[in-house]
Amino acid sequence: MDSESKAKTEQLLAEAFTGLLHISQRSGVTIKRMRKLMAMVQVRDMKRQGMTHQRIKAASGFSLKTIRRLLKMDVREDGSD
């Protein structure tokens, strides 16, 4: 991806995150919980694409232990940490 496309993508994501942040603040969802949910969604999506745990590790930067934990997490887990 060229730097212009990357910059545009990051700008679009920042705008989307701003909207999500406003929604989460009104609902009492912490930023820490949002990060955990984003990580879980990212890892689950990579797994659905058929990626191995090793490839997920390389693409995400998460440890294998964290990847296994995220794959076991339930979206409805208590987010009060």
Protein backbone atom coordinates (compact mmCIF):
# COMPACT_ATOMS: atom_id res chain seq x y z
CA MET A 1 0.00 0.00 0.00
CA ASP A 2 1.45 3.37 -0.93
CA SER A 3 1.80 6.11 1.68
CA GLU A 4 -1.07 8.20 0.28
CA SER A 5 -3.49 5.26 0.45
CA LYS A 6 -2.29 4.42 3.95
CA ALA A 7 -2.80 8.03 5.09
CA LYS A 8 -6.34 8.08 3.66
CA THR A 9 -7.14 4.75 5.31
CA GLU A 10 -5.83 6.00 8.66
CA GLN A 11 -7.90 9.18 8.33
CA LEU A 12 -11.03 7.15 7.59
CA LEU A 13 -10.34 4.88 10.57
CA ALA A 14 -9.77 7.86 12.87
CA GLU A 15 -13.18 9.25 11.86
CA ALA A 16 -14.84 5.86 12.44
CA PHE A 17 -13.09 5.46 15.80
CA THR A 18 -14.30 8.92 16.85
CA GLY A 19 -17.89 7.88 16.24
CA LEU A 20 -17.37 4.59 18.07
CA LEU A 21 -15.73 6.40 20.97
CA HIS A 22 -18.75 8.67 21.37
CA ILE A 23 -21.09 5.67 21.34
CA SER A 24 -18.95 3.76 23.84
CA GLN A 25 -18.71 6.73 26.21
CA ARG A 26 -22.49 7.11 26.26
CA SER A 27 -22.81 3.40 26.98
CA GLY A 28 -20.08 3.22 29.61
CA VAL A 29 -17.72 1.04 27.60
CA THR A 30 -14.10 1.85 28.46
CA ILE A 31 -11.34 2.35 25.92
CA LYS A 32 -9.55 -0.61 27.49
CA ARG A 33 -12.60 -2.80 26.77
CA MET A 34 -12.83 -1.42 23.21
CA ARG A 35 -9.18 -2.40 22.59
CA LYS A 36 -9.87 -5.90 23.91
CA LEU A 37 -12.92 -6.26 21.65
CA MET A 38 -10.99 -4.99 18.62
CA ALA A 39 -8.18 -7.47 19.27
CA MET A 40 -10.68 -10.31 19.63
CA VAL A 41 -12.46 -9.39 16.40
CA GLN A 42 -9.16 -9.07 14.52
CA VAL A 43 -7.88 -12.47 15.65
CA ARG A 44 -11.21 -14.23 15.05
CA ASP A 45 -11.44 -12.76 11.55
CA MET A 46 -7.91 -13.90 10.69
CA LYS A 47 -8.76 -17.38 11.97
CA ARG A 48 -11.95 -17.44 9.83
CA GLN A 49 -9.77 -16.56 6.84
CA GLY A 50 -7.86 -19.77 7.50
CA MET A 51 -4.72 -18.21 8.94
CA THR A 52 -2.65 -20.34 11.30
CA HIS A 53 -1.82 -19.13 14.79
CA GLN A 54 1.73 -18.45 13.60
CA ARG A 55 0.52 -16.24 10.74
CA ILE A 56 -1.90 -14.45 13.08
CA LYS A 57 1.02 -13.85 15.46
CA ALA A 58 3.11 -12.35 12.67
CA ALA A 59 0.28 -10.15 11.37
CA SER A 60 -1.06 -8.98 14.72
CA GLY A 61 1.95 -8.91 16.99
CA PHE A 62 0.10 -10.89 19.66
CA SER A 63 1.73 -13.82 21.44
CA LEU A 64 0.40 -17.32 20.80
CA LYS A 65 -0.94 -17.37 24.37
CA THR A 66 -2.86 -14.13 23.75
CA ILE A 67 -4.19 -15.44 20.43
CA ARG A 68 -5.54 -18.58 22.13
CA ARG A 69 -7.10 -16.46 24.90
CA LEU A 70 -8.72 -14.07 22.40
CA LEU A 71 -10.16 -16.96 20.40
CA LYS A 72 -11.76 -18.33 23.59
CA MET A 73 -13.17 -14.97 24.69
CA ASP A 74 -16.88 -14.37 24.56
CA VAL A 75 -18.02 -10.97 23.31
CA ARG A 76 -20.42 -10.83 26.25
CA GLU A 77 -17.64 -11.26 28.83
CA ASP A 78 -17.76 -8.73 31.62
CA GLY A 79 -15.84 -5.70 30.42
CA SER A 80 -15.36 -4.17 33.83
CA ASP A 81 -11.58 -4.31 34.04
